[in-house]
């Protein structure tokens, strides 16, 4: 069992209320690694618990900030993509509307002389 899962399990145990009737619900046989189940004395002091709680709260806050940053990045990329699609659609609509007008306004080639004829 690695340190990360140990910390996560400890945080879980704290959230569900710790040991109840010598059981830590949700941890199963691994509960003995986290608390002195069935023991009359705990091995950690109150200050160690407080330090742990502080570290957990700091870690949770860091994770929240990282998640917010990632979500902002993803949202910005998604908005950028949608704006590009919308802009392209608007350009296409403008071209469809004004291209015939522009073509109609071009000068006509002289009659009787196709553009591919060369003078003799």
N, C-alpha and C. Protein backbone atom coordinates (compact mmCIF):
# COMPACT_ATOMS: atom_id res chain seq x y z
N UNK A 1 0.86 -1.17 0.00
CA UNK A 1 0.00 0.00 0.00
C UNK A 1 0.90 1.23 0.00
N UNK A 2 0.67 2.16 -0.91
CA UNK A 2 1.55 3.33 -1.01
C UNK A 2 1.06 4.46 -0.13
N UNK A 3 1.87 5.50 -0.04
CA UNK A 3 1.61 6.63 0.84
C UNK A 3 0.36 7.40 0.43
N UNK A 4 0.14 7.52 -0.88
CA UNK A 4 -1.03 8.26 -1.36
C UNK A 4 -2.31 7.56 -0.93
N UNK A 5 -2.39 6.24 -1.14
CA UNK A 5 -3.61 5.54 -0.76
C UNK A 5 -3.78 5.52 0.75
N UNK A 6 -2.66 5.52 1.47
CA UNK A 6 -2.72 5.58 2.92
C UNK A 6 -3.32 6.91 3.36
N UNK A 7 -2.89 7.99 2.73
CA UNK A 7 -3.42 9.32 3.06
C UNK A 7 -4.90 9.43 2.68
N UNK A 8 -5.24 8.89 1.52
CA UNK A 8 -6.63 8.94 1.08
C UNK A 8 -7.52 8.15 2.04
N UNK A 9 -7.03 7.01 2.46
CA UNK A 9 -7.82 6.19 3.38
C UNK A 9 -7.98 6.89 4.73
N UNK A 10 -6.93 7.54 5.19
CA UNK A 10 -6.99 8.28 6.45
C UNK A 10 -8.00 9.42 6.33
N UNK A 11 -7.96 10.13 5.20
CA UNK A 11 -8.91 11.22 4.99
C UNK A 11 -10.34 10.68 4.94
N UNK A 12 -10.52 9.54 4.28
CA UNK A 12 -11.84 8.91 4.21
C UNK A 12 -12.32 8.55 5.61
N UNK A 13 -11.43 7.95 6.38
CA UNK A 13 -11.78 7.52 7.72
C UNK A 13 -12.19 8.72 8.58
N UNK A 14 -11.47 9.81 8.44
CA UNK A 14 -11.81 11.02 9.19
C UNK A 14 -13.18 11.54 8.78
N UNK A 15 -13.50 11.47 7.50
CA UNK A 15 -14.78 11.96 7.01
C UNK A 15 -15.95 11.11 7.49
N UNK A 16 -15.77 9.79 7.54
CA UNK A 16 -16.88 8.92 7.95
C UNK A 16 -16.98 8.78 9.45
N UNK A 17 -16.08 9.43 10.17
CA UNK A 17 -16.21 9.44 11.62
C UNK A 17 -15.27 8.50 12.34
N UNK A 18 -14.31 7.94 11.67
CA UNK A 18 -13.30 7.11 12.34
C UNK A 18 -13.80 5.72 12.69
N UNK A 19 -13.30 5.21 13.79
CA UNK A 19 -13.57 3.85 14.22
C UNK A 19 -14.90 3.81 14.96
N UNK A 20 -15.76 2.91 14.57
CA UNK A 20 -17.04 2.71 15.26
C UNK A 20 -17.20 1.22 15.51
N UNK A 21 -17.37 0.87 16.75
CA UNK A 21 -17.53 -0.53 17.14
C UNK A 21 -16.39 -1.37 16.58
N UNK A 22 -15.16 -0.85 16.69
CA UNK A 22 -13.95 -1.53 16.23
C UNK A 22 -13.97 -1.81 14.74
N UNK A 23 -14.74 -1.00 13.99
CA UNK A 23 -14.80 -1.16 12.54
C UNK A 23 -14.62 0.20 11.89
N UNK A 24 -13.92 0.21 10.79
CA UNK A 24 -13.85 1.41 9.96
C UNK A 24 -14.58 1.03 8.69
N UNK A 25 -15.79 1.50 8.55
CA UNK A 25 -16.62 1.09 7.44
C UNK A 25 -16.04 1.56 6.12
N UNK A 26 -15.95 0.64 5.18
CA UNK A 26 -15.44 0.96 3.86
C UNK A 26 -13.99 0.60 3.65
N UNK A 27 -13.25 0.30 4.72
CA UNK A 27 -11.84 -0.04 4.57
C UNK A 27 -11.59 -1.55 4.67
N UNK A 28 -12.52 -2.26 5.24
CA UNK A 28 -12.38 -3.71 5.33
C UNK A 28 -11.19 -4.13 6.17
N UNK A 29 -10.46 -5.15 5.71
CA UNK A 29 -9.35 -5.71 6.48
C UNK A 29 -8.16 -4.77 6.58
N UNK A 30 -8.14 -3.72 5.77
CA UNK A 30 -7.03 -2.76 5.80
C UNK A 30 -7.14 -1.78 6.96
N UNK A 31 -8.24 -1.80 7.70
CA UNK A 31 -8.48 -0.83 8.76
C UNK A 31 -7.37 -0.84 9.81
N UNK A 32 -6.80 -1.99 10.07
CA UNK A 32 -5.76 -2.09 11.10
C UNK A 32 -4.54 -1.24 10.78
N UNK A 33 -4.33 -0.91 9.53
CA UNK A 33 -3.17 -0.09 9.15
C UNK A 33 -3.37 1.38 9.51
N UNK A 34 -4.59 1.79 9.78
CA UNK A 34 -4.88 3.22 9.93
C UNK A 34 -5.22 3.63 11.35
N UNK A 35 -5.75 2.79 12.14
CA UNK A 35 -6.12 3.08 13.51
C UNK A 35 -5.84 1.85 14.35
N UNK A 36 -5.74 2.05 15.64
CA UNK A 36 -5.58 0.91 16.54
C UNK A 36 -6.95 0.34 16.85
N UNK A 37 -7.47 -0.42 15.93
CA UNK A 37 -8.80 -1.00 16.08
C UNK A 37 -8.77 -2.00 17.22
N UNK A 38 -9.69 -1.83 18.16
CA UNK A 38 -9.78 -2.73 19.28
C UNK A 38 -8.76 -2.45 20.36
N UNK A 39 -7.94 -1.46 20.20
CA UNK A 39 -6.91 -1.13 21.19
C UNK A 39 -7.43 -0.04 22.10
N UNK A 40 -6.97 -0.02 23.33
CA UNK A 40 -7.45 0.98 24.28
C UNK A 40 -6.64 2.26 24.21
N UNK A 41 -5.46 2.25 23.56
CA UNK A 41 -4.66 3.48 23.48
C UNK A 41 -4.27 3.75 22.04
N UNK A 42 -4.31 5.01 21.67
CA UNK A 42 -3.93 5.39 20.32
C UNK A 42 -2.45 5.74 20.29
N UNK A 43 -1.82 5.52 19.13
CA UNK A 43 -0.39 5.78 19.03
C UNK A 43 -0.08 7.21 18.61
N UNK A 44 -1.08 7.95 18.18
CA UNK A 44 -0.82 9.32 17.74
C UNK A 44 -1.31 10.30 18.79
N UNK A 45 -0.64 11.40 18.89
CA UNK A 45 -1.05 12.44 19.84
C UNK A 45 -2.01 13.39 19.16
N UNK A 46 -2.62 14.23 19.97
CA UNK A 46 -3.57 15.21 19.43
C UNK A 46 -2.89 16.16 18.45
N UNK A 47 -1.65 16.58 18.75
CA UNK A 47 -0.95 17.52 17.86
C UNK A 47 -0.62 16.86 16.52
N UNK A 48 -0.30 15.57 16.55
CA UNK A 48 -0.03 14.87 15.30
C UNK A 48 -1.29 14.81 14.45
N UNK A 49 -2.43 14.56 15.10
CA UNK A 49 -3.70 14.54 14.38
C UNK A 49 -4.00 15.91 13.79
N UNK A 50 -3.72 16.95 14.56
CA UNK A 50 -3.97 18.32 14.09
C UNK A 50 -3.06 18.64 12.90
N UNK A 51 -1.78 18.25 13.01
CA UNK A 51 -0.84 18.46 11.91
C UNK A 51 -1.30 17.71 10.67
N UNK A 52 -1.74 16.48 10.87
CA UNK A 52 -2.22 15.68 9.74
C UNK A 52 -3.42 16.36 9.10
N UNK A 53 -4.37 16.78 9.94
CA UNK A 53 -5.56 17.45 9.42
C UNK A 53 -5.19 18.69 8.63
N UNK A 54 -4.24 19.46 9.14
CA UNK A 54 -3.79 20.67 8.45
C UNK A 54 -3.18 20.32 7.10
N UNK A 55 -2.33 19.29 7.08
CA UNK A 55 -1.70 18.88 5.82
C UNK A 55 -2.74 18.39 4.83
N UNK A 56 -3.72 17.63 5.32
CA UNK A 56 -4.78 17.14 4.43
C UNK A 56 -5.56 18.31 3.85
N UNK A 57 -5.92 19.27 4.69
CA UNK A 57 -6.67 20.43 4.21
C UNK A 57 -5.86 21.22 3.19
N UNK A 58 -4.57 21.39 3.45
CA UNK A 58 -3.71 22.10 2.50
C UNK A 58 -3.63 21.35 1.18
N UNK A 59 -3.49 20.03 1.27
CA UNK A 59 -3.41 19.21 0.06
C UNK A 59 -4.72 19.28 -0.73
N UNK A 60 -5.82 19.21 -0.02
CA UNK A 60 -7.13 19.30 -0.68
C UNK A 60 -7.27 20.65 -1.36
N UNK A 61 -6.84 21.72 -0.68
CA UNK A 61 -6.91 23.06 -1.27
C UNK A 61 -6.05 23.14 -2.54
N UNK A 62 -4.85 22.57 -2.49
CA UNK A 62 -3.97 22.55 -3.66
C UNK A 62 -4.62 21.80 -4.81
N UNK A 63 -5.23 20.66 -4.49
CA UNK A 63 -5.90 19.87 -5.52
C UNK A 63 -7.06 20.65 -6.13
N UNK A 64 -7.81 21.36 -5.29
CA UNK A 64 -8.92 22.17 -5.80
C UNK A 64 -8.41 23.23 -6.77
N UNK A 65 -7.33 23.90 -6.39
CA UNK A 65 -6.76 24.95 -7.24
C UNK A 65 -6.28 24.36 -8.57
N UNK A 66 -5.61 23.20 -8.51
CA UNK A 66 -5.15 22.55 -9.74
C UNK A 66 -6.33 22.20 -10.63
N UNK A 67 -7.39 21.67 -10.03
CA UNK A 67 -8.57 21.29 -10.80
C UNK A 67 -9.22 22.52 -11.42
N UNK A 68 -9.29 23.62 -10.66
CA UNK A 68 -9.86 24.86 -11.20
C UNK A 68 -9.05 25.34 -12.39
N UNK A 69 -7.71 25.31 -12.25
CA UNK A 69 -6.84 25.75 -13.35
C UNK A 69 -7.05 24.89 -14.59
N UNK A 70 -7.11 23.58 -14.39
CA UNK A 70 -7.32 22.67 -15.52
C UNK A 70 -8.67 22.93 -16.18
N UNK A 71 -9.69 23.14 -15.36
CA UNK A 71 -11.02 23.39 -15.90
C UNK A 71 -11.06 24.71 -16.67
N UNK A 72 -10.38 25.73 -16.14
CA UNK A 72 -10.31 27.02 -16.84
C UNK A 72 -9.65 26.84 -18.20
N UNK A 73 -8.53 26.12 -18.22
CA UNK A 73 -7.81 25.88 -19.47
C UNK A 73 -8.71 25.17 -20.49
N UNK A 74 -9.36 24.11 -20.03
CA UNK A 74 -10.23 23.35 -20.93
C UNK A 74 -11.39 24.21 -21.43
N UNK A 75 -11.96 25.00 -20.54
CA UNK A 75 -13.07 25.87 -20.92
C UNK A 75 -12.61 26.91 -21.93
N UNK A 76 -11.45 27.50 -21.71
CA UNK A 76 -10.91 28.49 -22.66
C UNK A 76 -10.69 27.86 -24.03
N UNK A 77 -10.11 26.67 -24.07
CA UNK A 77 -9.88 25.99 -25.34
C UNK A 77 -11.20 25.69 -26.04
N UNK A 78 -12.18 25.23 -25.28
CA UNK A 78 -13.48 24.91 -25.86
C UNK A 78 -14.15 26.18 -26.41
N UNK A 79 -14.09 27.26 -25.64
CA UNK A 79 -14.68 28.52 -26.10
C UNK A 79 -13.96 29.04 -27.34
N UNK A 80 -12.64 28.93 -27.37
CA UNK A 80 -11.86 29.37 -28.52
C UNK A 80 -12.28 28.59 -29.77
N UNK A 81 -12.41 27.28 -29.62
CA UNK A 81 -12.80 26.43 -30.74
C UNK A 81 -14.20 26.80 -31.23
N UNK A 82 -15.14 26.99 -30.30
CA UNK A 82 -16.50 27.34 -30.69
C UNK A 82 -16.54 28.71 -31.37
N UNK A 83 -15.75 29.65 -30.89
CA UNK A 83 -15.71 30.97 -31.51
C UNK A 83 -15.13 30.90 -32.92
N UNK A 84 -14.11 30.05 -33.11
CA UNK A 84 -13.54 29.88 -34.44
C UNK A 84 -14.57 29.30 -35.40
N UNK A 85 -15.31 28.30 -34.94
CA UNK A 85 -16.36 27.71 -35.78
C UNK A 85 -17.43 28.73 -36.13
N UNK A 86 -17.84 29.51 -35.14
CA UNK A 86 -18.87 30.53 -35.38
C UNK A 86 -18.36 31.59 -36.35
N UNK A 87 -17.11 32.00 -36.19
CA UNK A 87 -16.52 33.00 -37.08
C UNK A 87 -16.45 32.47 -38.51
N UNK A 88 -16.04 31.22 -38.67
CA UNK A 88 -15.96 30.61 -40.00
C UNK A 88 -17.34 30.54 -40.64
N UNK A 89 -18.34 30.19 -39.84
CA UNK A 89 -19.71 30.13 -40.36
C UNK A 89 -20.18 31.52 -40.82
N UNK A 90 -19.85 32.55 -40.06
CA UNK A 90 -20.23 33.91 -40.45
C UNK A 90 -19.52 34.33 -41.74
N UNK A 91 -18.24 34.01 -41.86
CA UNK A 91 -17.49 34.32 -43.08
C UNK A 91 -18.11 33.60 -44.27
N UNK A 92 -18.44 32.33 -44.10
CA UNK A 92 -19.07 31.56 -45.18
C UNK A 92 -20.40 32.19 -45.60
N UNK A 93 -21.20 32.61 -44.62
CA UNK A 93 -22.50 33.24 -44.93
C UNK A 93 -22.30 34.55 -45.69
N UNK A 94 -21.34 35.34 -45.27
CA UNK A 94 -21.06 36.61 -45.96
C UNK A 94 -20.61 36.35 -47.39
N UNK A 95 -19.74 35.37 -47.57
CA UNK A 95 -19.27 35.03 -48.92
C UNK A 95 -20.43 34.57 -49.80
N UNK A 96 -21.29 33.73 -49.27
CA UNK A 96 -22.44 33.25 -50.05
C UNK A 96 -23.36 34.41 -50.43
N UNK A 97 -23.49 35.37 -49.55
CA UNK A 97 -24.39 36.49 -49.81
C UNK A 97 -23.79 37.48 -50.80
N UNK A 98 -22.51 37.80 -50.65
CA UNK A 98 -21.91 38.89 -51.43
C UNK A 98 -21.10 38.44 -52.65
N UNK A 99 -20.72 37.18 -52.73
CA UNK A 99 -19.93 36.72 -53.87
C UNK A 99 -20.65 36.92 -55.20
N UNK A 100 -21.93 36.57 -55.31
CA UNK A 100 -22.62 36.82 -56.59
C UNK A 100 -22.65 38.31 -56.96
N UNK A 101 -22.79 39.17 -55.96
CA UNK A 101 -22.80 40.61 -56.22
C UNK A 101 -21.43 41.06 -56.72
N UNK A 102 -20.38 40.55 -56.09
CA UNK A 102 -19.02 40.90 -56.50
C UNK A 102 -18.73 40.41 -57.92
N UNK A 103 -19.15 39.19 -58.21
CA UNK A 103 -18.91 38.63 -59.55
C UNK A 103 -19.68 39.43 -60.59
N UNK A 104 -20.92 39.80 -60.28
CA UNK A 104 -21.73 40.58 -61.22
C UNK A 104 -21.12 41.95 -61.48
N UNK A 105 -20.38 42.48 -60.55
CA UNK A 105 -19.76 43.78 -60.71
C UNK A 105 -18.44 43.77 -61.44
N UNK A 106 -17.93 42.60 -61.78
CA UNK A 106 -16.66 42.52 -62.52
C UNK A 106 -16.87 42.97 -63.96
N UNK A 107 -15.86 43.57 -64.59
CA UNK A 107 -16.02 43.98 -65.99
C UNK A 107 -16.19 42.76 -66.89
N UNK A 108 -16.98 42.95 -67.92
CA UNK A 108 -17.24 41.86 -68.87
C UNK A 108 -16.10 41.83 -69.89
N UNK A 109 -15.71 40.64 -70.36
CA UNK A 109 -14.68 40.57 -71.40
C UNK A 109 -15.24 41.12 -72.71
N UNK A 110 -14.39 41.65 -73.56
CA UNK A 110 -14.89 42.19 -74.84
C UNK A 110 -15.53 41.09 -75.68
N UNK A 111 -16.58 41.47 -76.41
CA UNK A 111 -17.29 40.48 -77.23
C UNK A 111 -16.48 40.17 -78.48
N UNK A 112 -16.59 38.92 -78.89
CA UNK A 112 -15.94 38.48 -80.11
C UNK A 112 -14.48 38.10 -79.93
N UNK A 113 -13.92 38.38 -78.83
CA UNK A 113 -12.51 38.03 -78.60
C UNK A 113 -12.43 37.19 -77.33
N UNK A 114 -12.47 35.88 -77.51
CA UNK A 114 -12.35 35.04 -76.31
C UNK A 114 -10.99 35.25 -75.65
N UNK A 115 -10.90 35.10 -74.38
CA UNK A 115 -9.65 35.34 -73.67
C UNK A 115 -8.53 34.39 -74.07
N UNK A 116 -8.86 33.26 -74.69
CA UNK A 116 -7.80 32.31 -75.04
C UNK A 116 -7.24 32.55 -76.43
N UNK A 117 -7.83 33.45 -77.23
CA UNK A 117 -7.30 33.75 -78.57
C UNK A 117 -6.05 34.61 -78.44
N UNK A 118 -5.08 34.33 -79.29
CA UNK A 118 -3.86 35.15 -79.32
C UNK A 118 -3.82 35.92 -80.63
N UNK A 119 -3.34 37.16 -80.63
CA UNK A 119 -3.27 37.93 -81.89
C UNK A 119 -2.26 37.31 -82.85
N UNK A 120 -2.53 37.42 -84.19
CA UNK A 120 -1.65 36.85 -85.22
C UNK A 120 -0.54 37.75 -85.55
